[in-house]
Amino acid sequence: MTSSEVVTLRPLMLGDLDRATLVQARAFLNDPLWVYLIPDLRQRQIYLPRFSRVLFHFGILNGQAYGVGDPLAGVAIWSAPGQKTKLSAALRAGWPRLLFSPFLFQFVRAGEIFGRFGEMQKQYAPDPHYYLNTISVLPEAQGQGLASKLIRPFLAQADREGVSAYTETMTPSNVGLYQHYGFQVMEAYRVPGKDLSLWALFRPVTK
């Protein structure tokens, strides 16, 4: 990391969308779920940025997207307890166009997995909580503490408000990272018939 890089956490704006898309797409290129959805590397390099752009456009419009680095090297989407998303934001971000595109097949193929995401969150975090939807750090910027900048402030806020936090991962190496921040593994779910696992991670209220 050079001395000119800024690592202060900040909300993302629409002007950050291109860079946030790049960070997310590069960080998730070899993510187990994405490899399962789109085994061909070249196809992943096409579809993953499209999905990442819609995801972060939606997050920015809803005030849920954050980043660190100048230029951006780490990004995350956090939702606060009771925070509502806007239907208009989904339309502006392009979710309908994404769904009614060749990418629809990938969503259908992973329907069981995405459904399990929601079921586990309801089961293990039924009360108001902070939810970490996604976090990404550029491969060359990993090990520089950027993930901590994207996680610790929200956990501190959760502690101040007396609420819990929740996330999930399908990357085995991420489990220990989240445990380092106080998350507990509530379930390690093996997707039937697939070489995929899903970990539900809950951080209880810390007094």
Foldseek 3Di string as FASTA:
>chain_A
DDPPKWFAKDFDAPVLLVVQLVQQLQQCLPAPLLCVLPVDSVVSNVVSSLVRSLVVQQQNVQRFKMATIVVTFKIWGKDFFPRDGDPVSNVVSPVVVCCPDPCVVSCVVCVVVVVVQVVLCCVPFVDTAMETEDMGGRPVCPPVCSVVSVPVVRLVVCLVVQAKYWYKGFDVVCVVVVVVVQWDFPDWADDPPDPTTMTITIHHHDD
